[in-house]
Amino acid sequence: MDRKETGAMGEQAAAEYLLSQGYELLARNWHCRWGELDLVARKEEILAFVEVKTRKPGAMVSPLEAVNRTKRRKLIRSAQAYLMELGETELQPRFDVAAVTVFPGELPRFTVEYWPSAFDGSEGE
C-alpha cells in the first residue's frame, strides 16, 4: 500500500466515522487556489472543515503536530474560499482534525481519533 492509497483509505475511514456520528458530508477533497479541504461536513449548526492525517503506528510526527501553522493558514484560507462559494450561511464554521492510524495487513484496520475545534480561524490573516 503506497502513501497515496494509505491517505485515501484514511480519508474514507474518517468519512465513515463522521457519518456514524451523525454528520452529513458536503464535500471531499475540495480544491481552491490556496489548498485542499479533505472533508467538509455538517452536523446541526456546525460546518466542520476536517483535516485528515493518516499515520502508521509509531510515526515520528503526530497528526496534530503535522497540522502546523503553515498548514492551518492554508486550511483557513481554503475554508474562507469555500464559504464565499457557498454564499450566506447560518452555520458555525469549525476546524477539526481526524487522526487515522492504519494497521497494515492483508485487510488493513483503522482507528480514528477525532479532535473537534482542533484550532480556530484567528491565524488566517
PDB file of N, CA and C in Angstrom:
ATOM      1  N   MET A   1       0.855  -1.175   0.000  1.00  0.00           N
ATOM      2  CA  MET A   1       0.000   0.000   0.000  1.00  0.00           C
ATOM      3  C   MET A   1       0.900   1.237   0.000  1.00  0.00           C
ATOM      4  N   ASP A   2       0.796   2.080  -1.047  1.00  0.00           N
ATOM      5  CA  ASP A   2       1.631   3.270  -1.108  1.00  0.00           C
ATOM      6  C   ASP A   2       0.983   4.419  -0.331  1.00  0.00           C
ATOM      7  N   ARG A   3       1.705   5.519  -0.257  1.00  0.00           N
ATOM      8  CA  ARG A   3       1.284   6.670   0.552  1.00  0.00           C
ATOM      9  C   ARG A   3      -0.059   7.241   0.096  1.00  0.00           C
ATOM     10  N   LYS A   4      -0.247   7.334  -1.217  1.00  0.00           N
ATOM     11  CA  LYS A   4      -1.495   7.884  -1.753  1.00  0.00           C
ATOM     12  C   LYS A   4      -2.688   6.981  -1.401  1.00  0.00           C
ATOM     13  N   GLU A   5      -2.491   5.669  -1.548  1.00  0.00           N
ATOM     14  CA  GLU A   5      -3.556   4.719  -1.193  1.00  0.00           C
ATOM     15  C   GLU A   5      -3.867   4.784   0.298  1.00  0.00           C
ATOM     16  N   THR A   6      -2.812   4.878   1.106  1.00  0.00           N
ATOM     17  CA  THR A   6      -2.990   4.967   2.553  1.00  0.00           C
ATOM     18  C   THR A   6      -3.795   6.212   2.906  1.00  0.00           C
ATOM     19  N   GLY A   7      -3.444   7.336   2.296  1.00  0.00           N
ATOM     20  CA  GLY A   7      -4.162   8.584   2.559  1.00  0.00           C
ATOM     21  C   GLY A   7      -5.622   8.505   2.154  1.00  0.00           C
ATOM     22  N   ALA A   8      -5.888   7.923   0.989  1.00  0.00           N
ATOM     23  CA  ALA A   8      -7.271   7.790   0.514  1.00  0.00           C
ATOM     24  C   ALA A   8      -8.076   6.881   1.440  1.00  0.00           C
ATOM     25  N   MET A   9      -7.447   5.799   1.900  1.00  0.00           N
ATOM     26  CA  MET A   9      -8.142   4.896   2.819  1.00  0.00           C
ATOM     27  C   MET A   9      -8.387   5.581   4.163  1.00  0.00           C
ATOM     28  N   GLY A  10      -7.447   6.396   4.598  1.00  0.00           N
ATOM     29  CA  GLY A  10      -7.625   7.156   5.835  1.00  0.00           C
ATOM     30  C   GLY A  10      -8.772   8.154   5.727  1.00  0.00           C
ATOM     31  N   GLU A  11      -8.864   8.831   4.586  1.00  0.00           N
ATOM     32  CA  GLU A  11      -9.972   9.775   4.383  1.00  0.00           C
ATOM     33  C   GLU A  11     -11.309   9.044   4.362  1.00  0.00           C
ATOM     34  N   GLN A  12     -11.335   7.864   3.768  1.00  0.00           N
ATOM     35  CA  GLN A  12     -12.569   7.075   3.757  1.00  0.00           C
ATOM     36  C   GLN A  12     -12.952   6.660   5.176  1.00  0.00           C
ATOM     37  N   ALA A  13     -11.968   6.235   5.958  1.00  0.00           N
ATOM     38  CA  ALA A  13     -12.237   5.853   7.350  1.00  0.00           C
ATOM     39  C   ALA A  13     -12.765   7.042   8.144  1.00  0.00           C
ATOM     40  N   ALA A  14     -12.187   8.229   7.926  1.00  0.00           N
ATOM     41  CA  ALA A  14     -12.651   9.434   8.623  1.00  0.00           C
ATOM     42  C   ALA A  14     -14.070   9.799   8.182  1.00  0.00           C
ATOM     43  N   ALA A  15     -14.356   9.675   6.887  1.00  0.00           N
ATOM     44  CA  ALA A  15     -15.699   9.967   6.374  1.00  0.00           C
ATOM     45  C   ALA A  15     -16.724   9.020   7.005  1.00  0.00           C
ATOM     46  N   GLU A  16     -16.386   7.743   7.078  1.00  0.00           N
ATOM     47  CA  GLU A  16     -17.298   6.770   7.689  1.00  0.00           C
ATOM     48  C   GLU A  16     -17.513   7.075   9.172  1.00  0.00           C
ATOM     49  N   TYR A  17     -16.451   7.509   9.835  1.00  0.00           N
ATOM     50  CA  TYR A  17     -16.573   7.896  11.248  1.00  0.00           C
ATOM     51  C   TYR A  17     -17.559   9.064  11.385  1.00  0.00           C
ATOM     52  N   LEU A  18     -17.379  10.089  10.560  1.00  0.00           N
ATOM     53  CA  LEU A  18     -18.268  11.256  10.623  1.00  0.00           C
ATOM     54  C   LEU A  18     -19.725  10.855  10.384  1.00  0.00           C
ATOM     55  N   LEU A  19     -19.953  10.032   9.378  1.00  0.00           N
ATOM     56  CA  LEU A  19     -21.317   9.580   9.096  1.00  0.00           C
ATOM     57  C   LEU A  19     -21.900   8.828  10.299  1.00  0.00           C
ATOM     58  N   SER A  20     -21.088   8.024  10.953  1.00  0.00           N
ATOM     59  CA  SER A  20     -21.562   7.269  12.117  1.00  0.00           C
ATOM     60  C   SER A  20     -21.883   8.176  13.303  1.00  0.00           C
ATOM     61  N   GLN A  21     -21.323   9.388  13.291  1.00  0.00           N
ATOM     62  CA  GLN A  21     -21.564  10.347  14.359  1.00  0.00           C
ATOM     63  C   GLN A  21     -22.673  11.341  14.019  1.00  0.00           C
ATOM     64  N   GLY A  22     -23.350  11.110  12.905  1.00  0.00           N
ATOM     65  CA  GLY A  22     -24.486  11.955  12.543  1.00  0.00           C
ATOM     66  C   GLY A  22     -24.167  13.147  11.670  1.00  0.00           C
ATOM     67  N   TYR A  23     -22.963  13.207  11.125  1.00  0.00           N
ATOM     68  CA  TYR A  23     -22.601  14.290  10.220  1.00  0.00           C
ATOM     69  C   TYR A  23     -23.106  13.976   8.814  1.00  0.00           C
ATOM     70  N   GLU A  24     -23.347  15.017   8.055  1.00  0.00           N
ATOM     71  CA  GLU A  24     -23.646  14.916   6.628  1.00  0.00           C
ATOM     72  C   GLU A  24     -22.398  15.394   5.886  1.00  0.00           C
ATOM     73  N   LEU A  25     -21.892  14.591   4.964  1.00  0.00           N
ATOM     74  CA  LEU A  25     -20.718  15.002   4.186  1.00  0.00           C
ATOM     75  C   LEU A  25     -21.152  15.914   3.055  1.00  0.00           C
ATOM     76  N   LEU A  26     -20.543  17.092   2.990  1.00  0.00           N
ATOM     77  CA  LEU A  26     -20.871  18.066   1.954  1.00  0.00           C
ATOM     78  C   LEU A  26     -19.834  18.090   0.832  1.00  0.00           C
ATOM     79  N   ALA A  27     -18.585  17.791   1.172  1.00  0.00           N
ATOM     80  CA  ALA A  27     -17.517  17.824   0.157  1.00  0.00           C
ATOM     81  C   ALA A  27     -16.354  16.955   0.603  1.00  0.00           C
ATOM     82  N   ARG A  28     -15.669  16.399  -0.407  1.00  0.00           N
ATOM     83  CA  ARG A  28     -14.428  15.649  -0.200  1.00  0.00           C
ATOM     84  C   ARG A  28     -13.388  16.206  -1.150  1.00  0.00           C
ATOM     85  N   ASN A  29     -12.196  16.407  -0.640  1.00  0.00           N
ATOM     86  CA  ASN A  29     -11.078  16.882  -1.458  1.00  0.00           C
ATOM     87  C   ASN A  29     -11.449  18.114  -2.278  1.00  0.00           C
ATOM     88  N   TRP A  30     -12.031  19.094  -1.612  1.00  0.00           N
ATOM     89  CA  TRP A  30     -12.426  20.347  -2.257  1.00  0.00           C
ATOM     90  C   TRP A  30     -11.186  21.207  -2.455  1.00  0.00           C
ATOM     91  N   HIS A  31     -10.950  21.633  -3.703  1.00  0.00           N
ATOM     92  CA  HIS A  31      -9.741  22.390  -4.048  1.00  0.00           C
ATOM     93  C   HIS A  31     -10.055  23.845  -4.365  1.00  0.00           C
ATOM     94  N   CYS A  32      -9.104  24.684  -4.024  1.00  0.00           N
ATOM     95  CA  CYS A  32      -9.115  26.082  -4.452  1.00  0.00           C
ATOM     96  C   CYS A  32      -7.655  26.507  -4.598  1.00  0.00           C
ATOM     97  N   ARG A  33      -7.417  27.746  -4.906  1.00  0.00           N
ATOM     98  CA  ARG A  33      -6.040  28.187  -5.157  1.00  0.00           C
ATOM     99  C   ARG A  33      -5.148  28.135  -3.920  1.00  0.00           C
ATOM    100  N   TRP A  34      -5.742  28.100  -2.730  1.00  0.00           N
ATOM    101  CA  TRP A  34      -4.940  28.079  -1.502  1.00  0.00           C
ATOM    102  C   TRP A  34      -4.669  26.677  -0.980  1.00  0.00           C
ATOM    103  N   GLY A  35      -5.387  25.703  -1.480  1.00  0.00           N
ATOM    104  CA  GLY A  35      -5.145  24.352  -0.994  1.00  0.00           C
ATOM    105  C   GLY A  35      -6.368  23.468  -1.136  1.00  0.00           C
ATOM    106  N   GLU A  36      -6.422  22.480  -0.261  1.00  0.00           N
ATOM    107  CA  GLU A  36      -7.470  21.474  -0.328  1.00  0.00           C
ATOM    108  C   GLU A  36      -8.098  21.288   1.050  1.00  0.00           C
ATOM    109  N   LEU A  37      -9.394  21.100   1.052  1.00  0.00           N
ATOM    110  CA  LEU A  37     -10.110  20.704   2.259  1.00  0.00           C
ATOM    111  C   LEU A  37     -10.405  19.218   2.118  1.00  0.00           C
ATOM    112  N   ASP A  38      -9.894  18.413   3.042  1.00  0.00           N
ATOM    113  CA  ASP A  38     -10.082  16.961   2.933  1.00  0.00           C
ATOM    114  C   ASP A  38     -11.563  16.598   2.996  1.00  0.00           C
ATOM    115  N   LEU A  39     -12.227  17.039   4.054  1.00  0.00           N
ATOM    116  CA  LEU A  39     -13.656  16.762   4.231  1.00  0.00           C
ATOM    117  C   LEU A  39     -14.341  18.010   4.748  1.00  0.00           C
ATOM    118  N   VAL A  40     -15.539  18.248   4.251  1.00  0.00           N
ATOM    119  CA  VAL A  40     -16.398  19.298   4.791  1.00  0.00           C
ATOM    120  C   VAL A  40     -17.684  18.602   5.197  1.00  0.00           C
ATOM    121  N   ALA A  41     -18.059  18.790   6.462  1.00  0.00           N
ATOM    122  CA  ALA A  41     -19.210  18.069   6.989  1.00  0.00           C
ATOM    123  C   ALA A  41     -20.087  19.008   7.809  1.00  0.00           C
ATOM    124  N   ARG A  42     -21.356  18.640   7.888  1.00  0.00           N
ATOM    125  CA  ARG A  42     -22.317  19.443   8.643  1.00  0.00           C
ATOM    126  C   ARG A  42     -23.000  18.559   9.674  1.00  0.00           C
ATOM    127  N   LYS A  43     -23.166  19.133  10.861  1.00  0.00           N
ATOM    128  CA  LYS A  43     -23.961  18.497  11.909  1.00  0.00           C
ATOM    129  C   LYS A  43     -24.660  19.610  12.668  1.00  0.00           C
ATOM    130  N   GLU A  44     -25.980  19.612  12.580  1.00  0.00           N
ATOM    131  CA  GLU A  44     -26.792  20.662  13.182  1.00  0.00           C
ATOM    132  C   GLU A  44     -26.293  22.013  12.676  1.00  0.00           C
ATOM    133  N   GLU A  45     -25.868  22.920  13.577  1.00  0.00           N
ATOM    134  CA  GLU A  45     -25.456  24.258  13.136  1.00  0.00           C
ATOM    135  C   GLU A  45     -23.952  24.359  12.871  1.00  0.00           C
ATOM    136  N   ILE A  46     -23.225  23.250  12.943  1.00  0.00           N
ATOM    137  CA  ILE A  46     -21.774  23.253  12.761  1.00  0.00           C
ATOM    138  C   ILE A  46     -21.405  22.874  11.327  1.00  0.00           C
ATOM    139  N   LEU A  47     -20.489  23.647  10.744  1.00  0.00           N
ATOM    140  CA  LEU A  47     -19.884  23.324   9.460  1.00  0.00           C
ATOM    141  C   LEU A  47     -18.420  22.996   9.754  1.00  0.00           C
ATOM    142  N   ALA A  48     -18.090  21.717   9.724  1.00  0.00           N
ATOM    143  CA  ALA A  48     -16.755  21.267  10.109  1.00  0.00           C
ATOM    144  C   ALA A  48     -15.858  21.111   8.884  1.00  0.00           C
ATOM    145  N   PHE A  49     -14.717  21.804   8.932  1.00  0.00           N
ATOM    146  CA  PHE A  49     -13.666  21.631   7.939  1.00  0.00           C
ATOM    147  C   PHE A  49     -12.679  20.649   8.577  1.00  0.00           C
ATOM    148  N   VAL A  50     -12.610  19.454   8.019  1.00  0.00           N
ATOM    149  CA  VAL A  50     -11.874  18.365   8.672  1.00  0.00           C
ATOM    150  C   VAL A  50     -10.593  18.056   7.910  1.00  0.00           C
ATOM    151  N   GLU A  51      -9.474  18.222   8.594  1.00  0.00           N
ATOM    152  CA  GLU A  51      -8.178  17.831   8.056  1.00  0.00           C
ATOM    153  C   GLU A  51      -7.919  16.405   8.516  1.00  0.00           C
ATOM    154  N   VAL A  52      -7.649  15.524   7.568  1.00  0.00           N
ATOM    155  CA  VAL A  52      -7.417  14.113   7.883  1.00  0.00           C
ATOM    156  C   VAL A  52      -5.922  13.830   7.782  1.00  0.00           C
ATOM    157  N   LYS A  53      -5.371  13.260   8.841  1.00  0.00           N
ATOM    158  CA  LYS A  53      -3.967  12.857   8.862  1.00  0.00           C
ATOM    159  C   LYS A  53      -3.923  11.362   9.127  1.00  0.00           C
ATOM    160  N   THR A  54      -3.341  10.631   8.200  1.00  0.00           N
ATOM    161  CA  THR A  54      -3.253   9.178   8.315  1.00  0.00           C
ATOM    162  C   THR A  54      -1.809   8.796   8.603  1.00  0.00           C
ATOM    163  N   ARG A  55      -1.626   7.968   9.610  1.00  0.00           N
ATOM    164  CA  ARG A  55      -0.295   7.546  10.028  1.00  0.00           C
ATOM    165  C   ARG A  55      -0.280   6.052  10.315  1.00  0.00           C
ATOM    166  N   LYS A  56       0.896   5.480  10.222  1.00  0.00           N
ATOM    167  CA  LYS A  56       1.114   4.108  10.689  1.00  0.00           C
ATOM    168  C   LYS A  56       1.506   4.197  12.163  1.00  0.00           C
ATOM    169  N   PRO A  57       1.323   3.115  12.930  1.00  0.00           N
ATOM    170  CA  PRO A  57       1.714   3.154  14.347  1.00  0.00           C
ATOM    171  C   PRO A  57       3.184   3.542  14.499  1.00  0.00           C
ATOM    172  N   GLY A  58       3.473   4.358  15.504  1.00  0.00           N
ATOM    173  CA  GLY A  58       4.849   4.753  15.786  1.00  0.00           C
ATOM    174  C   GLY A  58       5.409   5.829  14.887  1.00  0.00           C
ATOM    175  N   ALA A  59       4.554   6.555  14.161  1.00  0.00           N
ATOM    176  CA  ALA A  59       5.034   7.627  13.274  1.00  0.00           C
ATOM    177  C   ALA A  59       5.788   8.681  14.085  1.00  0.00           C
ATOM    178  N   MET A  60       6.798   9.286  13.462  1.00  0.00           N
ATOM    179  CA  MET A  60       7.650  10.262  14.144  1.00  0.00           C
ATOM    180  C   MET A  60       6.904  11.550  14.488  1.00  0.00           C
ATOM    181  N   VAL A  61       5.934  11.937  13.648  1.00  0.00           N
ATOM    182  CA  VAL A  61       5.202  13.186  13.857  1.00  0.00           C
ATOM    183  C   VAL A  61       3.744  12.836  14.107  1.00  0.00           C
ATOM    184  N   SER A  62       3.204  13.373  15.187  1.00  0.00           N
ATOM    185  CA  SER A  62       1.801  13.109  15.496  1.00  0.00           C
ATOM    186  C   SER A  62       0.908  13.856  14.500  1.00  0.00           C
ATOM    187  N   PRO A  63      -0.321  13.408  14.344  1.00  0.00           N
ATOM    188  CA  PRO A  63      -1.238  14.095  13.425  1.00  0.00           C
ATOM    189  C   PRO A  63      -1.447  15.563  13.774  1.00  0.00           C
ATOM    190  N   LEU A  64      -1.580  15.874  15.058  1.00  0.00           N
ATOM    191  CA  LEU A  64      -1.774  17.284  15.428  1.00  0.00           C
ATOM    192  C   LEU A  64      -0.529  18.117  15.143  1.00  0.00           C
ATOM    193  N   GLU A  65       0.656  17.554  15.349  1.00  0.00           N
ATOM    194  CA  GLU A  65       1.891  18.279  15.036  1.00  0.00           C
ATOM    195  C   GLU A  65       2.015  18.519  13.535  1.00  0.00           C
ATOM    196  N   ALA A  66       1.474  17.603  12.736  1.00  0.00           N
ATOM    197  CA  ALA A  66       1.541  17.739  11.276  1.00  0.00           C
ATOM    198  C   ALA A  66       0.683  18.895  10.770  1.00  0.00           C
ATOM    199  N   VAL A  67      -0.301  19.306  11.553  1.00  0.00           N
ATOM    200  CA  VAL A  67      -1.138  20.451  11.179  1.00  0.00           C
ATOM    201  C   VAL A  67      -0.494  21.686  11.813  1.00  0.00           C
ATOM    202  N   ASN A  68       0.638  22.080  11.223  1.00  0.00           N
ATOM    203  CA  ASN A  68       1.418  23.195  11.748  1.00  0.00           C
ATOM    204  C   ASN A  68       0.823  24.538  11.328  1.00  0.00           C
ATOM    205  N   ARG A  69       1.471  25.603  11.722  1.00  0.00           N
ATOM    206  CA  ARG A  69       0.964  26.958  11.462  1.00  0.00           C
ATOM    207  C   ARG A  69       0.734  27.199   9.962  1.00  0.00           C
ATOM    208  N   THR A  70       1.681  26.800   9.130  1.00  0.00           N
ATOM    209  CA  THR A  70       1.540  26.993   7.683  1.00  0.00           C
ATOM    210  C   THR A  70       0.337  26.229   7.156  1.00  0.00           C
ATOM    211  N   LYS A  71       0.170  24.995   7.577  1.00  0.00           N
ATOM    212  CA  LYS A  71      -0.967  24.182   7.141  1.00  0.00           C
ATOM    213  C   LYS A  71      -2.278  24.781   7.635  1.00  0.00           C
ATOM    214  N   ARG A  72      -2.304  25.243   8.883  1.00  0.00           N
ATOM    215  CA  ARG A  72      -3.531  25.857   9.420  1.00  0.00           C
ATOM    216  C   ARG A  72      -3.917  27.084   8.616  1.00  0.00           C
ATOM    217  N   ARG A  73      -2.953  27.905   8.244  1.00  0.00           N
ATOM    218  CA  ARG A  73      -3.252  29.114   7.460  1.00  0.00           C
ATOM    219  C   ARG A  73      -3.843  28.746   6.100  1.00  0.00           C
ATOM    220  N   LYS A  74      -3.297  27.706   5.457  1.00  0.00           N
ATOM    221  CA  LYS A  74      -3.843  27.257   4.169  1.00  0.00           C
ATOM    222  C   LYS A  74      -5.272  26.740   4.342  1.00  0.00           C
ATOM    223  N   LEU A  75      -5.497  26.004   5.419  1.00  0.00           N
ATOM    224  CA  LEU A  75      -6.848  25.482   5.674  1.00  0.00           C
ATOM    225  C   LEU A  75      -7.837  26.608   5.922  1.00  0.00           C
ATOM    226  N   ILE A  76      -7.418  27.603   6.672  1.00  0.00           N
ATOM    227  CA  ILE A  76      -8.295  28.739   6.961  1.00  0.00           C
ATOM    228  C   ILE A  76      -8.641  29.481   5.674  1.00  0.00           C
ATOM    229  N   ARG A  77      -7.657  29.747   4.847  1.00  0.00           N
ATOM    230  CA  ARG A  77      -7.916  30.444   3.573  1.00  0.00           C
ATOM    231  C   ARG A  77      -8.801  29.603   2.657  1.00  0.00           C
ATOM    232  N   SER A  78      -8.566  28.311   2.625  1.00  0.00           N
ATOM    233  CA  SER A  78      -9.400  27.429   1.804  1.00  0.00           C
ATOM    234  C   SER A  78     -10.836  27.417   2.321  1.00  0.00           C
ATOM    235  N   ALA A  79     -10.995  27.395   3.635  1.00  0.00           N
ATOM    236  CA  ALA A  79     -12.342  27.425   4.223  1.00  0.00           C
ATOM    237  C   ALA A  79     -13.039  28.740   3.896  1.00  0.00           C
ATOM    238  N   GLN A  80     -12.311  29.835   3.929  1.00  0.00           N
ATOM    239  CA  GLN A  80     -12.897  31.128   3.565  1.00  0.00           C
ATOM    240  C   GLN A  80     -13.378  31.105   2.117  1.00  0.00           C
ATOM    241  N   ALA A  81     -12.591  30.529   1.226  1.00  0.00           N
ATOM    242  CA  ALA A  81     -12.998  30.419  -0.179  1.00  0.00           C
ATOM    243  C   ALA A  81     -14.231  29.535  -0.310  1.00  0.00           C
ATOM    244  N   TYR A  82     -14.281  28.441   0.430  1.00  0.00           N
ATOM    245  CA  TYR A  82     -15.451  27.552   0.406  1.00  0.00           C
ATOM    246  C   TYR A  82     -16.691  28.311   0.860  1.00  0.00           C
ATOM    247  N   LEU A  83     -16.562  29.071   1.942  1.00  0.00           N
ATOM    248  CA  LEU A  83     -17.704  29.827   2.456  1.00  0.00           C
ATOM    249  C   LEU A  83     -18.162  30.901   1.470  1.00  0.00           C
ATOM    250  N   MET A  84     -17.214  31.539   0.786  1.00  0.00           N
ATOM    251  CA  MET A  84     -17.584  32.545  -0.216  1.00  0.00           C
ATOM    252  C   MET A  84     -18.332  31.893  -1.372  1.00  0.00           C
ATOM    253  N   GLU A  85     -17.891  30.700  -1.782  1.00  0.00           N
ATOM    254  CA  GLU A  85     -18.561  29.995  -2.866  1.00  0.00           C
ATOM    255  C   GLU A  85     -19.960  29.539  -2.440  1.00  0.00           C
ATOM    256  N   LEU A  86     -20.070  29.136  -1.172  1.00  0.00           N
ATOM    257  CA  LEU A  86     -21.337  28.653  -0.631  1.00  0.00           C
ATOM    258  C   LEU A  86     -22.351  29.779  -0.512  1.00  0.00           C
ATOM    259  N   GLY A  87     -21.865  30.982  -0.243  1.00  0.00           N
ATOM    260  CA  GLY A  87     -22.766  32.110  -0.041  1.00  0.00           C
ATOM    261  C   GLY A  87     -23.160  32.216   1.412  1.00  0.00           C
ATOM    262  N   GLU A  88     -24.190  32.993   1.672  1.00  0.00           N
ATOM    263  CA  GLU A  88     -24.657  33.205   3.041  1.00  0.00           C
ATOM    264  C   GLU A  88     -24.984  31.879   3.704  1.00  0.00           C
ATOM    265  N   THR A  89     -24.545  31.746   4.928  1.00  0.00           N
ATOM    266  CA  THR A  89     -24.858  30.538   5.685  1.00  0.00           C
ATOM    267  C   THR A  89     -25.042  30.895   7.154  1.00  0.00           C
ATOM    268  N   GLU A  90     -25.906  30.195   7.781  1.00  0.00           N
ATOM    269  CA  GLU A  90     -26.146  30.357   9.212  1.00  0.00           C
ATOM    270  C   GLU A  90     -25.273  29.411  10.022  1.00  0.00           C
ATOM    271  N   LEU A  91     -24.483  28.595   9.346  1.00  0.00           N
ATOM    272  CA  LEU A  91     -23.694  27.583  10.026  1.00  0.00           C
ATOM    273  C   LEU A  91     -22.457  28.180  10.701  1.00  0.00           C
ATOM    274  N   GLN A  92     -22.062  27.572  11.817  1.00  0.00           N
ATOM    275  CA  GLN A  92     -20.875  27.992  12.551  1.00  0.00           C
ATOM    276  C   GLN A  92     -19.669  27.173  12.065  1.00  0.00           C
ATOM    277  N   PRO A  93     -18.691  27.814  11.411  1.00  0.00           N
ATOM    278  CA  PRO A  93     -17.523  27.060  10.935  1.00  0.00           C
ATOM    279  C   PRO A  93     -16.634  26.611  12.087  1.00  0.00           C
ATOM    280  N   ARG A  94     -15.999  25.463  11.883  1.00  0.00           N
ATOM    281  CA  ARG A  94     -15.119  24.892  12.896  1.00  0.00           C
ATOM    282  C   ARG A  94     -14.027  24.094  12.185  1.00  0.00           C
ATOM    283  N   PHE A  95     -12.822  24.083  12.766  1.00  0.00           N
ATOM    284  CA  PHE A  95     -11.699  23.337  12.195  1.00  0.00           C
ATOM    285  C   PHE A  95     -11.400  22.127  13.070  1.00  0.00           C
ATOM    286  N   ASP A  96     -11.582  20.947  12.496  1.00  0.00           N
ATOM    287  CA  ASP A  96     -11.381  19.690  13.201  1.00  0.00           C
ATOM    288  C   ASP A  96     -10.226  18.922  12.567  1.00  0.00           C
ATOM    289  N   VAL A  97      -9.660  18.003  13.332  1.00  0.00           N
ATOM    290  CA  VAL A  97      -8.629  17.112  12.816  1.00  0.00           C
ATOM    291  C   VAL A  97      -9.048  15.677  13.114  1.00  0.00           C
ATOM    292  N   ALA A  98      -8.968  14.836  12.093  1.00  0.00           N
ATOM    293  CA  ALA A  98      -9.204  13.403  12.248  1.00  0.00           C
ATOM    294  C   ALA A  98      -7.860  12.702  12.073  1.00  0.00           C
ATOM    295  N   ALA A  99      -7.434  12.005  13.121  1.00  0.00           N
ATOM    296  CA  ALA A  99      -6.182  11.248  13.080  1.00  0.00           C
ATOM    297  C   ALA A  99      -6.525   9.787  12.858  1.00  0.00           C
ATOM    298  N   VAL A 100      -6.108   9.273  11.720  1.00  0.00           N
ATOM    299  CA  VAL A 100      -6.396   7.887  11.371  1.00  0.00           C
ATOM    300  C   VAL A 100      -5.091   7.100  11.468  1.00  0.00           C
ATOM    301  N   THR A 101      -5.126   6.043  12.252  1.00  0.00           N
ATOM    302  CA  THR A 101      -3.980   5.139  12.336  1.00  0.00           C
ATOM    303  C   THR A 101      -4.322   3.900  11.536  1.00  0.00           C
ATOM    304  N   VAL A 102      -3.433   3.560  10.617  1.00  0.00           N
ATOM    305  CA  VAL A 102      -3.646   2.383   9.778  1.00  0.00           C
ATOM    306  C   VAL A 102      -2.713   1.275  10.246  1.00  0.00           C
ATOM    307  N   PHE A 103      -3.294   0.123  10.456  1.00  0.00           N
ATOM    308  CA  PHE A 103      -2.538  -1.061  10.832  1.00  0.00           C
ATOM    309  C   PHE A 103      -2.478  -1.947   9.598  1.00  0.00           C
ATOM    310  N   PRO A 104      -1.337  -1.938   8.880  1.00  0.00           N
ATOM    311  CA  PRO A 104      -1.236  -2.646   7.610  1.00  0.00           C
ATOM    312  C   PRO A 104      -1.437  -4.156   7.771  1.00  0.00           C
ATOM    313  N   GLY A 105      -1.819  -4.750   6.691  1.00  0.00           N
ATOM    314  CA  GLY A 105      -2.015  -6.184   6.638  1.00  0.00           C
ATOM    315  C   GLY A 105      -2.808  -6.526   5.400  1.00  0.00           C
ATOM    316  N   GLU A 106      -3.125  -7.792   5.262  1.00  0.00           N
ATOM    317  CA  GLU A 106      -3.922  -8.205   4.111  1.00  0.00           C
ATOM    318  C   GLU A 106      -5.245  -7.445   4.068  1.00  0.00           C
ATOM    319  N   LEU A 107      -5.871  -7.307   5.234  1.00  0.00           N
ATOM    320  CA  LEU A 107      -7.066  -6.472   5.389  1.00  0.00           C
ATOM    321  C   LEU A 107      -6.722  -5.385   6.403  1.00  0.00           C
ATOM    322  N   PRO A 108      -6.310  -4.189   5.928  1.00  0.00           N
ATOM    323  CA  PRO A 108      -5.881  -3.141   6.864  1.00  0.00           C
ATOM    324  C   PRO A 108      -6.995  -2.769   7.844  1.00  0.00           C
ATOM    325  N   ARG A 109      -6.586  -2.470   9.072  1.00  0.00           N
ATOM    326  CA  ARG A 109      -7.513  -1.965  10.085  1.00  0.00           C
ATOM    327  C   ARG A 109      -7.179  -0.504  10.347  1.00  0.00           C
ATOM    328  N   PHE A 110      -8.205   0.238  10.790  1.00  0.00           N
ATOM    329  CA  PHE A 110      -8.021   1.658  11.053  1.00  0.00           C
ATOM    330  C   PHE A 110      -8.618   2.012  12.407  1.00  0.00           C
ATOM    331  N   THR A 111      -7.998   2.964  13.065  1.00  0.00           N
ATOM    332  CA  THR A 111      -8.634   3.607  14.212  1.00  0.00           C
ATOM    333  C   THR A 111      -8.706   5.090  13.894  1.00  0.00           C
ATOM    334  N   VAL A 112      -9.738   5.745  14.402  1.00  0.00           N
ATOM    335  CA  VAL A 112      -9.928   7.178  14.163  1.00  0.00           C
ATOM    336  C   VAL A 112     -10.019   7.883  15.505  1.00  0.00           C
ATOM    337  N   GLU A 113      -9.151   8.878  15.691  1.00  0.00           N
ATOM    338  CA  GLU A 113      -9.261   9.799  16.820  1.00  0.00           C
ATOM    339  C   GLU A 113      -9.718  11.118  16.221  1.00  0.00           C
ATOM    340  N   TYR A 114     -10.679  11.758  16.888  1.00  0.00           N
ATOM    341  CA  TYR A 114     -11.278  12.964  16.310  1.00  0.00           C
ATOM    342  C   TYR A 114     -11.174  14.112  17.292  1.00  0.00           C
ATOM    343  N   TRP A 115     -10.628  15.229  16.812  1.00  0.00           N
ATOM    344  CA  TRP A 115     -10.482  16.425  17.625  1.00  0.00           C
ATOM    345  C   TRP A 115     -11.338  17.549  17.046  1.00  0.00           C
ATOM    346  N   PRO A 116     -12.546  17.745  17.584  1.00  0.00           N
ATOM    347  CA  PRO A 116     -13.339  18.899  17.157  1.00  0.00           C
ATOM    348  C   PRO A 116     -12.682  20.187  17.682  1.00  0.00           C
ATOM    349  N   SER A 117     -12.805  21.237  16.925  1.00  0.00           N
ATOM    350  CA  SER A 117     -12.208  22.542  17.309  1.00  0.00           C
ATOM    351  C   SER A 117     -10.725  22.391  17.620  1.00  0.00           C
ATOM    352  N   ALA A 118      -9.998  21.699  16.752  1.00  0.00           N
ATOM    353  CA  ALA A 118      -8.563  21.472  16.959  1.00  0.00           C
ATOM    354  C   ALA A 118      -7.778  22.773  16.929  1.00  0.00           C
ATOM    355  N   PHE A 119      -8.259  23.751  16.173  1.00  0.00           N
ATOM    356  CA  PHE A 119      -7.673  25.078  16.131  1.00  0.00           C
ATOM    357  C   PHE A 119      -8.749  26.054  15.695  1.00  0.00           C
ATOM    358  N   ASP A 120      -8.497  27.353  15.900  1.00  0.00           N
ATOM    359  CA  ASP A 120      -9.502  28.337  15.489  1.00  0.00           C
ATOM    360  C   ASP A 120      -9.033  29.077  14.242  1.00  0.00           C
ATOM    361  N   GLY A 121      -9.851  29.955  13.752  1.00  0.00           N
ATOM    362  CA  GLY A 121      -9.568  30.645  12.498  1.00  0.00           C
ATOM    363  C   GLY A 121      -8.801  31.948  12.662  1.00  0.00           C
ATOM    364  N   SER A 122      -8.247  32.212  13.823  1.00  0.00           N
ATOM    365  CA  SER A 122      -7.594  33.504  14.055  1.00  0.00           C
ATOM    366  C   SER A 122      -6.236  33.633  13.379  1.00  0.00           C
ATOM    367  N   GLU A 123      -5.672  32.557  12.839  1.00  0.00           N
ATOM    368  CA  GLU A 123      -4.356  32.624  12.203  1.00  0.00           C
ATOM    369  C   GLU A 123      -4.430  32.919  10.707  1.00  0.00           C
ATOM    370  N   GLY A 124      -5.611  33.117  10.188  1.00  0.00           N
ATOM    371  CA  GLY A 124      -5.792  33.226   8.748  1.00  0.00           C
ATOM    372  C   GLY A 124      -5.276  34.481   8.105  1.00  0.00           C
ATOM    373  N   GLU A 125      -5.041  35.480   8.886  1.00  0.00           N
ATOM    374  CA  GLU A 125      -4.601  36.758   8.295  1.00  0.00           C
ATOM    375  C   GLU A 125      -3.105  36.818   8.118  1.00  0.00           C
TER     376      GLU A 125
END
